[in-house]
Amino acid sequence: MDYKQRSNEQIGRTRTSGDRRTVVLDIETAALDSSDEKGALDAMTGRVVCIGMLIDDGNAATEIVFAREDDRVIISDSWNAMRPGDVIVGHNVLDFDIRFLRQRSWILGIEPSRAFDTRRYYTADVVDTLQLWTSWSDNKKGVTLDAIGSVLAFLVAAGKLAKARTLRGGGRSAISTA
């Protein structure tokens, strides 16, 4: 089995879905008014200053960074980089990144290149590491990407992480230990 087949199977697709890529997405925002401390958290009072992507087509992974003064250009370029069949992966990507991009696109009159099904528990289009780690609970305090990475790195270093696998049904993720 080649790398592309394994990659597609990990995101729940068949071996024939060769056009399905994995896109790791992270956006950075800033307030439109520098005196507004929380302005960067809302699309009406904030703007996109940078979008980072890691696009994995199963053969190669390509890093892309979009950064400009005009968030209209950043957002348009990022939509152009995404394809309708891509699986989007990120930490808090459902509740923040995708929502913010979609809302800023509406505000700026930009047509997204694709739609996202952002229903709770649905992960065929979007894999949110925060939601998976917390099983979609409201208890997300302290669950940063750094914290998750540290726990997993510790388990790997201790030889206790045998494999991670995705369970079908509900998009839950399980980690089995040796």
C-alpha atoms as a PDB file:
ATOM      1  CA  MET A   1       0.000   0.000   0.000  1.00  0.00           C
ATOM      2  CA  ASP A   2       1.442   3.357  -0.969  1.00  0.00           C
ATOM      3  CA  TYR A   3       1.498   6.593   1.041  1.00  0.00           C
ATOM      4  CA  LYS A   4      -1.453   8.138  -0.829  1.00  0.00           C
ATOM      5  CA  GLN A   5      -3.690   5.126  -0.167  1.00  0.00           C
ATOM      6  CA  ARG A   6      -2.815   5.192   3.558  1.00  0.00           C
ATOM      7  CA  SER A   7      -3.461   8.926   3.698  1.00  0.00           C
ATOM      8  CA  ASN A   8      -6.887   8.579   2.088  1.00  0.00           C
ATOM      9  CA  GLU A   9      -7.842   5.683   4.342  1.00  0.00           C
ATOM     10  CA  GLN A  10      -6.867   7.677   7.442  1.00  0.00           C
ATOM     11  CA  ILE A  11      -9.352  10.385   6.494  1.00  0.00           C
ATOM     12  CA  GLY A  12     -12.071   7.835   5.822  1.00  0.00           C
ATOM     13  CA  ARG A  13     -11.962   7.700   2.056  1.00  0.00           C
ATOM     14  CA  THR A  14     -11.543   4.798  -0.303  1.00  0.00           C
ATOM     15  CA  ARG A  15      -8.423   4.012  -2.271  1.00  0.00           C
ATOM     16  CA  THR A  16     -10.000   5.548  -5.359  1.00  0.00           C
ATOM     17  CA  SER A  17     -10.287   9.063  -3.953  1.00  0.00           C
ATOM     18  CA  GLY A  18      -6.954  10.235  -5.324  1.00  0.00           C
ATOM     19  CA  ASP A  19      -8.104  13.833  -5.720  1.00  0.00           C
ATOM     20  CA  ARG A  20      -8.743  14.240  -1.991  1.00  0.00           C
ATOM     21  CA  ARG A  21      -5.977  16.207  -0.290  1.00  0.00           C
ATOM     22  CA  THR A  22      -5.353  16.941   3.371  1.00  0.00           C
ATOM     23  CA  VAL A  23      -4.972  20.662   4.090  1.00  0.00           C
ATOM     24  CA  VAL A  24      -3.755  21.716   7.522  1.00  0.00           C
ATOM     25  CA  LEU A  25      -5.051  25.248   8.059  1.00  0.00           C
ATOM     26  CA  ASP A  26      -4.236  27.986  10.568  1.00  0.00           C
ATOM     27  CA  ILE A  27      -5.145  31.662  10.386  1.00  0.00           C
ATOM     28  CA  GLU A  28      -3.822  34.627  12.322  1.00  0.00           C
ATOM     29  CA  THR A  29      -5.989  37.683  12.869  1.00  0.00           C
ATOM     30  CA  ALA A  30      -5.646  41.225  14.175  1.00  0.00           C
ATOM     31  CA  ALA A  31      -8.127  43.829  15.356  1.00  0.00           C
ATOM     32  CA  LEU A  32      -9.126  46.526  12.874  1.00  0.00           C
ATOM     33  CA  ASP A  33      -8.855  48.973  15.788  1.00  0.00           C
ATOM     34  CA  SER A  34      -5.622  48.396  17.697  1.00  0.00           C
ATOM     35  CA  SER A  35      -7.256  49.627  20.922  1.00  0.00           C
ATOM     36  CA  ASP A  36      -9.843  46.808  20.768  1.00  0.00           C
ATOM     37  CA  GLU A  37      -8.229  43.949  22.732  1.00  0.00           C
ATOM     38  CA  LYS A  38     -10.682  41.310  21.526  1.00  0.00           C
ATOM     39  CA  GLY A  39     -11.269  42.734  18.044  1.00  0.00           C
ATOM     40  CA  ALA A  40      -9.213  39.997  16.382  1.00  0.00           C
ATOM     41  CA  LEU A  41     -11.693  37.358  17.555  1.00  0.00           C
ATOM     42  CA  ASP A  42     -14.647  38.640  15.493  1.00  0.00           C
ATOM     43  CA  ALA A  43     -14.821  39.004  11.706  1.00  0.00           C
ATOM     44  CA  MET A  44     -16.677  42.323  12.046  1.00  0.00           C
ATOM     45  CA  THR A  45     -13.938  43.894  14.174  1.00  0.00           C
ATOM     46  CA  GLY A  46     -10.903  41.930  12.972  1.00  0.00           C
ATOM     47  CA  ARG A  47      -9.061  41.007   9.813  1.00  0.00           C
ATOM     48  CA  VAL A  48      -6.892  38.159   8.561  1.00  0.00           C
ATOM     49  CA  VAL A  49      -3.173  38.980   8.609  1.00  0.00           C
ATOM     50  CA  CYS A  50      -1.772  35.555   7.726  1.00  0.00           C
ATOM     51  CA  ILE A  51      -2.953  32.119   6.610  1.00  0.00           C
ATOM     52  CA  GLY A  52      -0.679  29.105   6.774  1.00  0.00           C
ATOM     53  CA  MET A  53      -1.418  25.846   4.975  1.00  0.00           C
ATOM     54  CA  LEU A  54       0.263  22.491   4.688  1.00  0.00           C
ATOM     55  CA  ILE A  55      -1.191  20.725   1.660  1.00  0.00           C
ATOM     56  CA  ASP A  56      -0.620  16.957   1.449  1.00  0.00           C
ATOM     57  CA  ASP A  57      -1.720  15.278  -1.773  1.00  0.00           C
ATOM     58  CA  GLY A  58      -0.425  11.870  -0.698  1.00  0.00           C
ATOM     59  CA  ASN A  59       2.785  12.235  -2.698  1.00  0.00           C
ATOM     60  CA  ALA A  60       4.224  15.425  -1.279  1.00  0.00           C
ATOM     61  CA  ALA A  61       3.447  17.985   1.405  1.00  0.00           C
ATOM     62  CA  THR A  62       3.696  21.646   0.426  1.00  0.00           C
ATOM     63  CA  GLU A  63       3.812  24.572   2.858  1.00  0.00           C
ATOM     64  CA  ILE A  64       2.069  27.784   1.787  1.00  0.00           C
ATOM     65  CA  VAL A  65       1.853  31.074   3.673  1.00  0.00           C
ATOM     66  CA  PHE A  66      -0.384  33.950   2.601  1.00  0.00           C
ATOM     67  CA  ALA A  67       0.505  37.277   4.224  1.00  0.00           C
ATOM     68  CA  ARG A  68      -0.225  40.767   2.944  1.00  0.00           C
ATOM     69  CA  GLU A  69      -1.598  44.058   4.238  1.00  0.00           C
ATOM     70  CA  ASP A  70      -4.922  43.526   2.421  1.00  0.00           C
ATOM     71  CA  ASP A  71      -6.865  40.608   3.898  1.00  0.00           C
ATOM     72  CA  ARG A  72      -9.022  40.517   0.751  1.00  0.00           C
ATOM     73  CA  VAL A  73      -5.958  39.241  -1.159  1.00  0.00           C
ATOM     74  CA  ILE A  74      -4.981  36.808   1.613  1.00  0.00           C
ATOM     75  CA  ILE A  75      -8.466  35.321   1.810  1.00  0.00           C
ATOM     76  CA  SER A  76      -8.921  35.113  -1.986  1.00  0.00           C
ATOM     77  CA  ASP A  77      -5.539  33.428  -2.416  1.00  0.00           C
ATOM     78  CA  SER A  78      -6.317  30.911   0.324  1.00  0.00           C
ATOM     79  CA  TRP A  79      -9.697  30.026  -1.225  1.00  0.00           C
ATOM     80  CA  ASN A  80      -7.945  29.558  -4.572  1.00  0.00           C
ATOM     81  CA  ALA A  81      -5.509  27.120  -2.952  1.00  0.00           C
ATOM     82  CA  MET A  82      -8.328  24.942  -1.555  1.00  0.00           C
ATOM     83  CA  ARG A  83     -10.224  22.419  -3.656  1.00  0.00           C
ATOM     84  CA  PRO A  84     -13.808  21.266  -3.079  1.00  0.00           C
ATOM     85  CA  GLY A  85     -12.712  17.748  -2.061  1.00  0.00           C
ATOM     86  CA  ASP A  86      -9.973  18.757   0.378  1.00  0.00           C
ATOM     87  CA  VAL A  87     -10.136  17.646   4.001  1.00  0.00           C
ATOM     88  CA  ILE A  88      -9.340  20.606   6.250  1.00  0.00           C
ATOM     89  CA  VAL A  89      -7.426  19.865   9.477  1.00  0.00           C
ATOM     90  CA  GLY A  90      -6.730  22.306  12.281  1.00  0.00           C
ATOM     91  CA  HIS A  91      -6.963  23.094  15.975  1.00  0.00           C
ATOM     92  CA  ASN A  92     -10.229  24.922  16.740  1.00  0.00           C
ATOM     93  CA  VAL A  93     -10.677  25.211  12.986  1.00  0.00           C
ATOM     94  CA  LEU A  94     -14.464  24.685  13.179  1.00  0.00           C
ATOM     95  CA  ASP A  95     -15.254  27.281  15.815  1.00  0.00           C
ATOM     96  CA  PHE A  96     -12.726  29.880  14.704  1.00  0.00           C
ATOM     97  CA  ASP A  97     -10.692  29.594  11.487  1.00  0.00           C
ATOM     98  CA  ILE A  98     -13.401  28.461   9.054  1.00  0.00           C
ATOM     99  CA  ARG A  99     -16.081  30.620  10.679  1.00  0.00           C
ATOM    100  CA  PHE A 100     -13.834  33.706  10.591  1.00  0.00           C
ATOM    101  CA  LEU A 101     -12.780  33.092   6.950  1.00  0.00           C
ATOM    102  CA  ARG A 102     -16.367  32.551   5.857  1.00  0.00           C
ATOM    103  CA  GLN A 103     -17.614  35.676   7.655  1.00  0.00           C
ATOM    104  CA  ARG A 104     -14.767  37.897   6.378  1.00  0.00           C
ATOM    105  CA  SER A 105     -15.467  36.557   2.890  1.00  0.00           C
ATOM    106  CA  TRP A 106     -19.117  37.648   3.215  1.00  0.00           C
ATOM    107  CA  ILE A 107     -18.085  41.080   4.507  1.00  0.00           C
ATOM    108  CA  LEU A 108     -15.556  41.580   1.690  1.00  0.00           C
ATOM    109  CA  GLY A 109     -17.751  40.096  -1.066  1.00  0.00           C
ATOM    110  CA  ILE A 110     -15.409  37.162  -1.740  1.00  0.00           C
ATOM    111  CA  GLU A 111     -16.902  33.928  -3.012  1.00  0.00           C
ATOM    112  CA  PRO A 112     -15.354  30.898  -1.284  1.00  0.00           C
ATOM    113  CA  SER A 113     -14.115  28.103  -3.538  1.00  0.00           C
ATOM    114  CA  ARG A 114     -16.031  25.547  -1.512  1.00  0.00           C
ATOM    115  CA  ALA A 115     -18.649  25.014   1.145  1.00  0.00           C
ATOM    116  CA  PHE A 116     -18.028  23.258   4.454  1.00  0.00           C
ATOM    117  CA  ASP A 117     -20.377  21.035   6.370  1.00  0.00           C
ATOM    118  CA  THR A 118     -19.678  22.259   9.878  1.00  0.00           C
ATOM    119  CA  ARG A 119     -22.320  20.247  11.703  1.00  0.00           C
ATOM    120  CA  ARG A 120     -21.271  19.062  15.116  1.00  0.00           C
ATOM    121  CA  TYR A 121     -19.727  15.555  15.065  1.00  0.00           C
ATOM    122  CA  TYR A 122     -19.402  15.571  11.266  1.00  0.00           C
ATOM    123  CA  THR A 123     -15.778  15.223  10.218  1.00  0.00           C
ATOM    124  CA  ALA A 124     -15.685  14.086   6.579  1.00  0.00           C
ATOM    125  CA  ASP A 125     -14.774  17.618   5.411  1.00  0.00           C
ATOM    126  CA  VAL A 126     -13.144  19.044   8.535  1.00  0.00           C
ATOM    127  CA  VAL A 127     -10.999  17.444  11.242  1.00  0.00           C
ATOM    128  CA  ASP A 128     -10.753  19.680  14.293  1.00  0.00           C
ATOM    129  CA  THR A 129      -8.132  18.448  16.761  1.00  0.00           C
ATOM    130  CA  LEU A 130      -9.666  20.456  19.607  1.00  0.00           C
ATOM    131  CA  GLN A 131     -13.090  18.898  19.063  1.00  0.00           C
ATOM    132  CA  LEU A 132     -11.649  15.402  18.694  1.00  0.00           C
ATOM    133  CA  TRP A 133      -9.537  15.682  21.846  1.00  0.00           C
ATOM    134  CA  THR A 134     -12.452  16.948  23.955  1.00  0.00           C
ATOM    135  CA  SER A 135     -15.098  14.721  22.302  1.00  0.00           C
ATOM    136  CA  TRP A 136     -17.085  17.851  21.450  1.00  0.00           C
ATOM    137  CA  SER A 137     -17.549  18.744  25.109  1.00  0.00           C
ATOM    138  CA  ASP A 138     -17.622  22.312  26.363  1.00  0.00           C
ATOM    139  CA  ASN A 139     -14.634  21.630  28.643  1.00  0.00           C
ATOM    140  CA  LYS A 140     -11.824  23.004  26.468  1.00  0.00           C
ATOM    141  CA  LYS A 141      -9.861  24.826  29.190  1.00  0.00           C
ATOM    142  CA  GLY A 142      -6.132  24.333  28.699  1.00  0.00           C
ATOM    143  CA  VAL A 143      -6.537  22.155  25.607  1.00  0.00           C
ATOM    144  CA  THR A 144      -4.022  23.889  23.388  1.00  0.00           C
ATOM    145  CA  LEU A 145      -2.339  22.340  20.402  1.00  0.00           C
ATOM    146  CA  ASP A 146       0.955  22.575  22.316  1.00  0.00           C
ATOM    147  CA  ALA A 147      -0.544  20.670  25.266  1.00  0.00           C
ATOM    148  CA  ILE A 148      -1.868  17.873  23.027  1.00  0.00           C
ATOM    149  CA  GLY A 149       1.463  17.666  21.208  1.00  0.00           C
ATOM    150  CA  SER A 150       3.351  17.455  24.504  1.00  0.00           C
ATOM    151  CA  VAL A 151       1.175  14.593  25.755  1.00  0.00           C
ATOM    152  CA  LEU A 152       1.520  12.652  22.509  1.00  0.00           C
ATOM    153  CA  ALA A 153       5.272  13.315  22.333  1.00  0.00           C
ATOM    154  CA  PHE A 154       5.651  12.043  25.909  1.00  0.00           C
ATOM    155  CA  LEU A 155       3.755   8.849  25.063  1.00  0.00           C
ATOM    156  CA  VAL A 156       5.889   8.283  21.962  1.00  0.00           C
ATOM    157  CA  ALA A 157       9.103   8.913  23.917  1.00  0.00           C
ATOM    158  CA  ALA A 158       7.949   6.535  26.650  1.00  0.00           C
ATOM    159  CA  GLY A 159       7.170   3.879  24.043  1.00  0.00           C
ATOM    160  CA  LYS A 160       3.533   3.797  25.134  1.00  0.00           C
ATOM    161  CA  LEU A 161       1.895   5.091  21.971  1.00  0.00           C
ATOM    162  CA  ALA A 162       1.429   2.100  19.710  1.00  0.00           C
ATOM    163  CA  LYS A 163      -0.850   3.700  17.152  1.00  0.00           C
ATOM    164  CA  ALA A 164      -3.573   6.270  16.672  1.00  0.00           C
ATOM    165  CA  ARG A 165      -6.600   5.294  14.684  1.00  0.00           C
ATOM    166  CA  THR A 166      -9.848   6.925  13.681  1.00  0.00           C
ATOM    167  CA  LEU A 167     -13.001   5.103  14.650  1.00  0.00           C
ATOM    168  CA  ARG A 168     -15.874   5.350  12.231  1.00  0.00           C
ATOM    169  CA  GLY A 169     -19.108   6.615  13.642  1.00  0.00           C
ATOM    170  CA  GLY A 170     -19.248  10.024  15.260  1.00  0.00           C
ATOM    171  CA  GLY A 171     -15.783  11.002  14.097  1.00  0.00           C
ATOM    172  CA  ARG A 172     -14.264  10.011  17.440  1.00  0.00           C
ATOM    173  CA  SER A 173     -10.570   9.362  17.677  1.00  0.00           C
ATOM    174  CA  ALA A 174      -8.965   6.696  19.844  1.00  0.00           C
ATOM    175  CA  ILE A 175      -5.399   6.207  20.955  1.00  0.00           C
ATOM    176  CA  SER A 176      -4.333   2.711  21.816  1.00  0.00           C
ATOM    177  CA  THR A 177      -1.341   2.156  24.044  1.00  0.00           C
ATOM    178  CA  ALA A 178       1.022  -0.788  24.156  1.00  0.00           C
END
